[in-house]
Amino acid sequence: PIHSQKMRVVPDPSKMNSSGMSPKQRRAAGLGCKSSAQLGRNALSFVDTLAFDGKASVAQVRIETGRTHQIRVHLQDRTTPIYGDDVYGFSDWNKRLAKSNGIKRPLLHAFKLELTHPVTGKKMIFRAPMADDMQKIASATWPTGSEERPDLFEAMDVEIEE
């Protein structure tokens, strides 16, 4: 099996989406009685909020299934979309992020990938540090993050379990 864990920076979960309506208000108005996450095939994601500064969160997501846009859809369904995501995100947040930090991409990063080698059967673990632009935003949200979880901020060697 393949397991991956990703880091992302998401806006304040208590805020409404860019339409100005909360999911409850959209349902009451008959606009999308079911969310996009509720319409598709089954998908399972585990979301762990690592830090929240009152505006943004740094979250770690572990996926059990590999559906297209799974993380993006699940976080949007929770009203915590990924910063910089033009499809599932909040356009007003994305515009502010682009203006204040020059970031015009989703702040989504696969920091850890685990897989079983197809020939040897050994478990392999690959890790990659966040890009500089994402580290800047994540560090502002979570100032002690690099000390608490250096594995998320620094490059590490490939691990192969015997």
N, C-alpha and C. Protein backbone atom coordinates (compact mmCIF):
# COMPACT_ATOMS: atom_id res chain seq x y z
N PRO A 1 0.83 -1.20 0.00
CA PRO A 1 0.00 0.00 0.00
C PRO A 1 0.86 1.26 0.00
N ILE A 2 0.32 2.31 -0.56
CA ILE A 2 1.01 3.59 -0.60
C ILE A 2 0.32 4.52 0.38
N HIS A 3 1.09 5.19 1.22
CA HIS A 3 0.56 6.15 2.18
C HIS A 3 1.29 7.46 1.95
N SER A 4 0.55 8.53 1.93
CA SER A 4 1.20 9.82 1.84
C SER A 4 0.59 10.76 2.85
N GLN A 5 1.40 11.67 3.34
CA GLN A 5 0.94 12.68 4.28
C GLN A 5 1.34 14.02 3.70
N LYS A 6 0.43 14.97 3.77
CA LYS A 6 0.69 16.27 3.16
C LYS A 6 0.46 17.38 4.15
N MET A 7 1.21 18.45 3.97
CA MET A 7 1.08 19.65 4.78
C MET A 7 0.33 20.68 3.96
N ARG A 8 -0.45 21.51 4.62
CA ARG A 8 -1.12 22.59 3.95
C ARG A 8 -1.42 23.70 4.92
N VAL A 9 -1.61 24.89 4.39
CA VAL A 9 -1.99 26.03 5.19
C VAL A 9 -3.41 26.40 4.76
N VAL A 10 -4.31 26.47 5.72
CA VAL A 10 -5.71 26.73 5.41
C VAL A 10 -6.22 27.92 6.21
N PRO A 11 -7.25 28.63 5.70
CA PRO A 11 -7.78 29.79 6.43
C PRO A 11 -8.56 29.39 7.66
N ASP A 12 -8.96 30.38 8.42
CA ASP A 12 -9.73 30.21 9.65
C ASP A 12 -10.99 29.40 9.37
N PRO A 13 -11.15 28.22 10.03
CA PRO A 13 -12.31 27.37 9.75
C PRO A 13 -13.63 27.98 10.16
N SER A 14 -13.64 29.03 10.97
CA SER A 14 -14.90 29.63 11.40
C SER A 14 -15.45 30.61 10.39
N LYS A 15 -14.66 30.94 9.36
CA LYS A 15 -15.09 31.92 8.36
C LYS A 15 -16.00 31.29 7.32
N MET A 16 -16.84 32.11 6.72
CA MET A 16 -17.69 31.65 5.63
C MET A 16 -16.86 31.57 4.36
N ASN A 17 -17.44 30.94 3.32
CA ASN A 17 -16.70 30.86 2.08
C ASN A 17 -16.79 32.16 1.31
N SER A 18 -16.17 32.22 0.15
CA SER A 18 -16.08 33.47 -0.58
C SER A 18 -17.42 33.95 -1.13
N SER A 19 -18.45 33.09 -1.10
CA SER A 19 -19.76 33.53 -1.54
C SER A 19 -20.44 34.39 -0.47
N GLY A 20 -19.87 34.41 0.73
CA GLY A 20 -20.47 35.16 1.83
C GLY A 20 -21.53 34.37 2.57
N MET A 21 -21.72 33.12 2.18
CA MET A 21 -22.73 32.27 2.82
C MET A 21 -22.05 31.09 3.48
N SER A 22 -22.53 30.72 4.64
CA SER A 22 -22.02 29.53 5.30
C SER A 22 -22.62 28.31 4.60
N PRO A 23 -22.03 27.11 4.78
CA PRO A 23 -22.63 25.91 4.18
C PRO A 23 -24.10 25.73 4.60
N LYS A 24 -24.40 26.04 5.84
CA LYS A 24 -25.78 25.92 6.32
C LYS A 24 -26.70 26.88 5.56
N GLN A 25 -26.23 28.11 5.34
CA GLN A 25 -27.03 29.09 4.59
C GLN A 25 -27.21 28.66 3.13
N ARG A 26 -26.15 28.08 2.52
CA ARG A 26 -26.26 27.61 1.14
C ARG A 26 -27.29 26.48 1.04
N ARG A 27 -27.30 25.55 2.01
CA ARG A 27 -28.28 24.46 2.00
C ARG A 27 -29.69 25.01 2.15
N ALA A 28 -29.87 25.98 3.06
CA ALA A 28 -31.19 26.57 3.29
C ALA A 28 -31.69 27.30 2.04
N ALA A 29 -30.77 27.87 1.26
CA ALA A 29 -31.14 28.57 0.04
C ALA A 29 -31.30 27.62 -1.15
N GLY A 30 -31.05 26.33 -0.90
CA GLY A 30 -31.17 25.35 -1.98
C GLY A 30 -30.00 25.36 -2.94
N LEU A 31 -28.90 25.93 -2.54
CA LEU A 31 -27.72 25.99 -3.39
C LEU A 31 -26.77 24.88 -3.00
N GLY A 32 -26.85 23.77 -3.68
CA GLY A 32 -25.94 22.67 -3.38
C GLY A 32 -26.32 21.95 -2.10
N CYS A 33 -27.38 21.20 -2.14
CA CYS A 33 -27.84 20.48 -0.96
C CYS A 33 -26.80 19.48 -0.48
N LYS A 34 -26.01 18.98 -1.41
CA LYS A 34 -24.92 18.07 -1.04
C LYS A 34 -23.61 18.71 -1.46
N SER A 35 -22.62 18.53 -0.64
CA SER A 35 -21.30 19.06 -0.99
C SER A 35 -20.66 18.16 -2.03
N SER A 36 -19.61 18.65 -2.66
CA SER A 36 -18.90 17.85 -3.65
C SER A 36 -18.31 16.60 -3.02
N ALA A 37 -17.92 16.67 -1.74
CA ALA A 37 -17.37 15.50 -1.07
C ALA A 37 -18.44 14.44 -0.83
N GLN A 38 -19.69 14.84 -0.73
CA GLN A 38 -20.77 13.90 -0.47
C GLN A 38 -21.29 13.25 -1.74
N LEU A 39 -20.97 13.78 -2.92
CA LEU A 39 -21.51 13.28 -4.16
C LEU A 39 -20.68 12.16 -4.80
N GLY A 40 -19.41 12.09 -4.55
CA GLY A 40 -18.53 11.16 -5.24
C GLY A 40 -18.41 9.81 -4.57
N ARG A 41 -17.39 9.05 -5.01
CA ARG A 41 -17.12 7.74 -4.43
C ARG A 41 -16.56 7.92 -3.02
N ASN A 42 -16.59 6.84 -2.24
CA ASN A 42 -16.07 6.92 -0.87
C ASN A 42 -14.59 7.28 -0.88
N ALA A 43 -14.22 8.14 0.05
CA ALA A 43 -12.84 8.55 0.21
C ALA A 43 -12.63 8.83 1.70
N LEU A 44 -11.46 8.50 2.21
CA LEU A 44 -11.19 8.66 3.63
C LEU A 44 -9.90 9.45 3.83
N SER A 45 -10.02 10.55 4.59
CA SER A 45 -8.88 11.40 4.93
C SER A 45 -8.88 11.66 6.43
N PHE A 46 -7.70 11.68 7.02
CA PHE A 46 -7.55 12.01 8.44
C PHE A 46 -6.83 13.36 8.52
N VAL A 47 -7.48 14.35 9.11
CA VAL A 47 -6.94 15.70 9.19
C VAL A 47 -6.53 16.00 10.62
N ASP A 48 -5.30 16.44 10.80
CA ASP A 48 -4.78 16.81 12.11
C ASP A 48 -4.30 18.26 12.03
N THR A 49 -4.96 19.15 12.78
CA THR A 49 -4.53 20.54 12.82
C THR A 49 -3.33 20.65 13.75
N LEU A 50 -2.20 21.04 13.22
CA LEU A 50 -0.96 21.13 14.00
C LEU A 50 -0.82 22.48 14.68
N ALA A 51 -1.36 23.53 14.06
CA ALA A 51 -1.26 24.88 14.64
C ALA A 51 -2.39 25.73 14.07
N PHE A 52 -2.85 26.67 14.89
CA PHE A 52 -3.87 27.63 14.46
C PHE A 52 -3.56 28.94 15.15
N ASP A 53 -3.42 30.02 14.37
CA ASP A 53 -3.05 31.32 14.95
C ASP A 53 -4.21 32.31 15.00
N GLY A 54 -5.42 31.83 14.81
CA GLY A 54 -6.58 32.71 14.81
C GLY A 54 -7.01 33.11 13.41
N LYS A 55 -6.13 32.93 12.44
CA LYS A 55 -6.43 33.26 11.04
C LYS A 55 -6.23 32.05 10.13
N ALA A 56 -5.12 31.37 10.32
CA ALA A 56 -4.76 30.25 9.44
C ALA A 56 -4.34 29.05 10.27
N SER A 57 -4.39 27.90 9.64
CA SER A 57 -3.99 26.65 10.29
C SER A 57 -2.91 25.98 9.46
N VAL A 58 -2.07 25.21 10.13
CA VAL A 58 -1.18 24.28 9.46
C VAL A 58 -1.74 22.91 9.78
N ALA A 59 -2.07 22.17 8.76
CA ALA A 59 -2.72 20.88 8.96
C ALA A 59 -1.94 19.77 8.28
N GLN A 60 -2.03 18.58 8.84
CA GLN A 60 -1.43 17.39 8.26
C GLN A 60 -2.58 16.47 7.89
N VAL A 61 -2.56 15.96 6.68
CA VAL A 61 -3.63 15.09 6.20
C VAL A 61 -3.03 13.76 5.78
N ARG A 62 -3.63 12.69 6.27
CA ARG A 62 -3.23 11.34 5.84
C ARG A 62 -4.41 10.77 5.08
N ILE A 63 -4.16 10.32 3.86
CA ILE A 63 -5.24 9.78 3.06
C ILE A 63 -5.17 8.25 3.02
N GLU A 64 -6.32 7.62 3.10
CA GLU A 64 -6.41 6.17 3.01
C GLU A 64 -6.80 5.73 1.61
N THR A 65 -7.45 6.62 0.87
CA THR A 65 -7.84 6.33 -0.50
C THR A 65 -7.13 7.35 -1.38
N GLY A 66 -7.13 7.14 -2.65
CA GLY A 66 -6.40 8.04 -3.54
C GLY A 66 -7.28 8.66 -4.60
N ARG A 67 -8.33 9.30 -4.21
CA ARG A 67 -9.25 9.93 -5.16
C ARG A 67 -8.66 11.24 -5.70
N THR A 68 -9.03 11.57 -6.92
CA THR A 68 -8.59 12.81 -7.53
C THR A 68 -9.07 14.00 -6.70
N HIS A 69 -8.17 14.87 -6.36
CA HIS A 69 -8.45 16.09 -5.60
C HIS A 69 -9.00 15.79 -4.20
N GLN A 70 -8.78 14.60 -3.69
CA GLN A 70 -9.36 14.19 -2.41
C GLN A 70 -9.10 15.17 -1.28
N ILE A 71 -7.86 15.53 -1.08
CA ILE A 71 -7.53 16.44 0.03
C ILE A 71 -8.17 17.80 -0.20
N ARG A 72 -8.10 18.29 -1.41
CA ARG A 72 -8.68 19.59 -1.73
C ARG A 72 -10.18 19.60 -1.50
N VAL A 73 -10.86 18.55 -1.92
CA VAL A 73 -12.32 18.47 -1.76
C VAL A 73 -12.69 18.31 -0.29
N HIS A 74 -11.99 17.45 0.44
CA HIS A 74 -12.32 17.24 1.86
C HIS A 74 -12.10 18.49 2.69
N LEU A 75 -11.01 19.20 2.44
CA LEU A 75 -10.77 20.43 3.20
C LEU A 75 -11.76 21.52 2.82
N GLN A 76 -12.15 21.59 1.56
CA GLN A 76 -13.16 22.57 1.14
C GLN A 76 -14.50 22.23 1.78
N ASP A 77 -14.82 20.95 1.88
CA ASP A 77 -16.08 20.53 2.48
C ASP A 77 -16.14 20.90 3.97
N ARG A 78 -14.99 20.95 4.62
CA ARG A 78 -14.92 21.37 6.03
C ARG A 78 -14.87 22.89 6.17
N THR A 79 -14.96 23.59 5.07
CA THR A 79 -14.78 25.05 4.98
C THR A 79 -13.39 25.49 5.45
N THR A 80 -12.41 24.64 5.21
CA THR A 80 -11.01 24.99 5.47
C THR A 80 -10.18 24.67 4.22
N PRO A 81 -10.49 25.31 3.09
CA PRO A 81 -9.76 24.97 1.86
C PRO A 81 -8.30 25.39 1.92
N ILE A 82 -7.54 24.86 1.01
CA ILE A 82 -6.11 25.14 0.94
C ILE A 82 -5.89 26.55 0.39
N TYR A 83 -5.01 27.30 1.05
CA TYR A 83 -4.62 28.61 0.55
C TYR A 83 -4.08 28.48 -0.87
N GLY A 84 -4.47 29.38 -1.74
CA GLY A 84 -3.96 29.40 -3.09
C GLY A 84 -4.66 28.46 -4.06
N ASP A 85 -5.63 27.69 -3.60
CA ASP A 85 -6.35 26.75 -4.45
C ASP A 85 -7.46 27.51 -5.18
N ASP A 86 -7.25 27.75 -6.49
CA ASP A 86 -8.21 28.54 -7.28
C ASP A 86 -9.51 27.79 -7.55
N VAL A 87 -9.50 26.47 -7.47
CA VAL A 87 -10.70 25.70 -7.76
C VAL A 87 -11.55 25.51 -6.51
N TYR A 88 -10.95 25.06 -5.41
CA TYR A 88 -11.70 24.74 -4.20
C TYR A 88 -11.53 25.76 -3.08
N GLY A 89 -10.70 26.75 -3.29
CA GLY A 89 -10.36 27.69 -2.22
C GLY A 89 -11.25 28.92 -2.18
N PHE A 90 -10.89 29.82 -1.27
CA PHE A 90 -11.58 31.10 -1.10
C PHE A 90 -10.86 32.13 -1.95
N SER A 91 -11.53 32.70 -2.94
CA SER A 91 -10.85 33.62 -3.85
C SER A 91 -10.33 34.87 -3.13
N ASP A 92 -11.08 35.36 -2.13
CA ASP A 92 -10.61 36.55 -1.41
C ASP A 92 -9.35 36.26 -0.61
N TRP A 93 -9.26 35.09 0.03
CA TRP A 93 -8.05 34.71 0.76
C TRP A 93 -6.88 34.56 -0.22
N ASN A 94 -7.14 33.93 -1.36
CA ASN A 94 -6.08 33.70 -2.34
C ASN A 94 -5.54 35.01 -2.89
N LYS A 95 -6.42 35.98 -3.13
CA LYS A 95 -5.98 37.29 -3.62
C LYS A 95 -5.09 37.98 -2.59
N ARG A 96 -5.49 37.90 -1.30
CA ARG A 96 -4.66 38.50 -0.25
C ARG A 96 -3.31 37.82 -0.14
N LEU A 97 -3.30 36.50 -0.25
CA LEU A 97 -2.05 35.74 -0.18
C LEU A 97 -1.13 36.14 -1.33
N ALA A 98 -1.69 36.27 -2.52
CA ALA A 98 -0.89 36.66 -3.69
C ALA A 98 -0.36 38.08 -3.52
N LYS A 99 -1.20 38.98 -3.02
CA LYS A 99 -0.80 40.38 -2.87
C LYS A 99 0.24 40.56 -1.76
N SER A 100 0.03 39.91 -0.61
CA SER A 100 0.92 40.12 0.52
C SER A 100 2.20 39.29 0.46
N ASN A 101 2.16 38.12 -0.19
CA ASN A 101 3.33 37.24 -0.18
C ASN A 101 3.79 36.82 -1.57
N GLY A 102 3.08 37.24 -2.60
CA GLY A 102 3.46 36.86 -3.96
C GLY A 102 3.24 35.40 -4.27
N ILE A 103 2.41 34.73 -3.50
CA ILE A 103 2.17 33.30 -3.69
C ILE A 103 0.92 33.11 -4.55
N LYS A 104 1.10 32.39 -5.66
CA LYS A 104 0.00 32.18 -6.59
C LYS A 104 -0.19 30.70 -6.87
N ARG A 105 0.06 29.88 -5.88
CA ARG A 105 -0.09 28.43 -6.05
C ARG A 105 -0.73 27.87 -4.79
N PRO A 106 -1.31 26.68 -4.87
CA PRO A 106 -1.85 26.07 -3.66
C PRO A 106 -0.74 25.72 -2.68
N LEU A 107 -0.94 26.02 -1.42
CA LEU A 107 0.05 25.68 -0.38
C LEU A 107 -0.23 24.26 0.09
N LEU A 108 0.10 23.34 -0.79
CA LEU A 108 -0.09 21.90 -0.58
C LEU A 108 1.23 21.22 -0.88
N HIS A 109 1.68 20.35 0.02
CA HIS A 109 3.00 19.76 -0.12
C HIS A 109 2.98 18.32 0.35
N ALA A 110 3.45 17.40 -0.48
CA ALA A 110 3.60 16.00 -0.08
C ALA A 110 4.94 15.87 0.62
N PHE A 111 4.92 15.88 1.95
CA PHE A 111 6.19 15.84 2.67
C PHE A 111 6.66 14.43 2.95
N LYS A 112 5.75 13.45 2.87
CA LYS A 112 6.13 12.09 3.17
C LYS A 112 5.36 11.13 2.28
N LEU A 113 6.09 10.20 1.68
CA LEU A 113 5.49 9.19 0.84
C LEU A 113 6.05 7.84 1.26
N GLU A 114 5.17 6.92 1.58
CA GLU A 114 5.58 5.57 1.96
C GLU A 114 5.06 4.60 0.92
N LEU A 115 5.92 3.68 0.50
CA LEU A 115 5.47 2.65 -0.43
C LEU A 115 6.30 1.39 -0.23
N THR A 116 5.77 0.31 -0.75
CA THR A 116 6.46 -0.96 -0.70
C THR A 116 7.16 -1.16 -2.04
N HIS A 117 8.46 -1.46 -1.99
CA HIS A 117 9.23 -1.66 -3.21
C HIS A 117 8.65 -2.85 -3.97
N PRO A 118 8.40 -2.69 -5.27
CA PRO A 118 7.73 -3.76 -6.01
C PRO A 118 8.55 -5.04 -6.18
N VAL A 119 9.87 -4.95 -6.08
CA VAL A 119 10.71 -6.13 -6.26
C VAL A 119 11.14 -6.72 -4.92
N THR A 120 11.67 -5.88 -4.03
CA THR A 120 12.21 -6.38 -2.76
C THR A 120 11.14 -6.55 -1.68
N GLY A 121 10.02 -5.83 -1.83
CA GLY A 121 8.97 -5.89 -0.82
C GLY A 121 9.28 -5.06 0.42
N LYS A 122 10.40 -4.34 0.41
CA LYS A 122 10.77 -3.52 1.56
C LYS A 122 9.99 -2.21 1.56
N LYS A 123 9.68 -1.73 2.75
CA LYS A 123 8.97 -0.46 2.90
C LYS A 123 9.97 0.67 2.70
N MET A 124 9.60 1.63 1.85
CA MET A 124 10.46 2.77 1.57
C MET A 124 9.71 4.03 1.98
N ILE A 125 10.43 4.96 2.61
CA ILE A 125 9.84 6.21 3.07
C ILE A 125 10.66 7.37 2.50
N PHE A 126 9.99 8.25 1.77
CA PHE A 126 10.63 9.42 1.18
C PHE A 126 10.07 10.66 1.86
N ARG A 127 10.93 11.62 2.19
CA ARG A 127 10.50 12.88 2.80
C ARG A 127 11.12 14.04 2.03
N ALA A 128 10.38 15.14 1.96
CA ALA A 128 10.88 16.34 1.29
C ALA A 128 10.46 17.55 2.11
N PRO A 129 11.34 18.54 2.24
CA PRO A 129 10.98 19.74 3.00
C PRO A 129 10.00 20.61 2.21
N MET A 130 9.27 21.45 2.92
CA MET A 130 8.38 22.40 2.26
C MET A 130 9.20 23.40 1.46
N ALA A 131 8.60 23.92 0.40
CA ALA A 131 9.23 24.99 -0.39
C ALA A 131 9.33 26.23 0.49
N ASP A 132 10.26 27.12 0.14
CA ASP A 132 10.51 28.32 0.93
C ASP A 132 9.26 29.18 1.14
N ASP A 133 8.45 29.35 0.08
CA ASP A 133 7.26 30.19 0.22
C ASP A 133 6.27 29.59 1.22
N MET A 134 6.13 28.28 1.20
CA MET A 134 5.22 27.63 2.13
C MET A 134 5.79 27.64 3.55
N GLN A 135 7.11 27.45 3.67
CA GLN A 135 7.73 27.51 5.00
C GLN A 135 7.53 28.88 5.64
N LYS A 136 7.59 29.93 4.84
CA LYS A 136 7.40 31.28 5.35
C LYS A 136 6.01 31.43 5.96
N ILE A 137 4.98 30.99 5.26
CA ILE A 137 3.61 31.10 5.74
C ILE A 137 3.39 30.15 6.93
N ALA A 138 3.88 28.92 6.83
CA ALA A 138 3.71 27.95 7.92
C ALA A 138 4.42 28.42 9.19
N SER A 139 5.60 29.01 9.04
CA SER A 139 6.35 29.49 10.21
C SER A 139 5.67 30.69 10.86
N ALA A 140 5.03 31.53 10.05
CA ALA A 140 4.30 32.67 10.61
C ALA A 140 3.08 32.19 11.40
N THR A 141 2.45 31.13 10.92
CA THR A 141 1.28 30.55 11.60
C THR A 141 1.71 29.74 12.80
N TRP A 142 2.83 29.06 12.70
CA TRP A 142 3.32 28.12 13.72
C TRP A 142 4.80 28.41 13.99
N PRO A 143 5.11 29.47 14.77
CA PRO A 143 6.50 29.88 14.99
C PRO A 143 7.41 28.79 15.57
N THR A 144 6.87 27.89 16.36
CA THR A 144 7.70 26.84 16.97
C THR A 144 7.66 25.54 16.18
N GLY A 145 7.05 25.56 15.00
CA GLY A 145 6.88 24.35 14.20
C GLY A 145 8.17 23.66 13.84
N SER A 146 9.18 24.41 13.44
CA SER A 146 10.44 23.78 13.02
C SER A 146 11.16 23.11 14.18
N GLU A 147 10.90 23.57 15.42
CA GLU A 147 11.49 22.90 16.59
C GLU A 147 10.63 21.70 17.02
N GLU A 148 9.31 21.87 16.97
CA GLU A 148 8.41 20.80 17.40
C GLU A 148 8.36 19.65 16.40
N ARG A 149 8.39 19.97 15.12
CA ARG A 149 8.29 18.94 14.07
C ARG A 149 9.31 19.21 12.97
N PRO A 150 10.61 19.04 13.26
CA PRO A 150 11.62 19.32 12.24
C PRO A 150 11.46 18.45 10.99
N ASP A 151 10.84 17.28 11.14
CA ASP A 151 10.64 16.40 9.99
C ASP A 151 9.77 17.05 8.90
N LEU A 152 8.97 18.03 9.28
CA LEU A 152 8.11 18.70 8.31
C LEU A 152 8.81 19.84 7.60
N PHE A 153 9.89 20.35 8.18
CA PHE A 153 10.56 21.54 7.66
C PHE A 153 11.93 21.26 7.04
N GLU A 154 12.53 20.12 7.34
CA GLU A 154 13.88 19.84 6.87
C GLU A 154 13.92 18.59 6.01
N ALA A 155 14.86 18.55 5.07
CA ALA A 155 15.03 17.37 4.22
C ALA A 155 15.59 16.23 5.05
N MET A 156 15.17 15.03 4.72
CA MET A 156 15.67 13.84 5.42
C MET A 156 16.02 12.79 4.37
N ASP A 157 16.88 11.87 4.74
CA ASP A 157 17.27 10.79 3.84
C ASP A 157 16.11 9.83 3.62
N VAL A 158 16.19 9.05 2.55
CA VAL A 158 15.23 8.01 2.28
C VAL A 158 15.45 6.89 3.31
N GLU A 159 14.36 6.37 3.85
CA GLU A 159 14.44 5.26 4.79
C GLU A 159 14.00 3.99 4.08
N ILE A 160 14.72 2.90 4.32
CA ILE A 160 14.31 1.60 3.81
C ILE A 160 14.32 0.65 5.00
N GLU A 161 13.14 0.12 5.33
CA GLU A 161 13.04 -0.78 6.47
C GLU A 161 13.40 -2.19 6.04
N GLU A 162 14.15 -2.84 6.90
CA GLU A 162 14.59 -4.23 6.64
C GLU A 162 13.50 -5.21 6.97
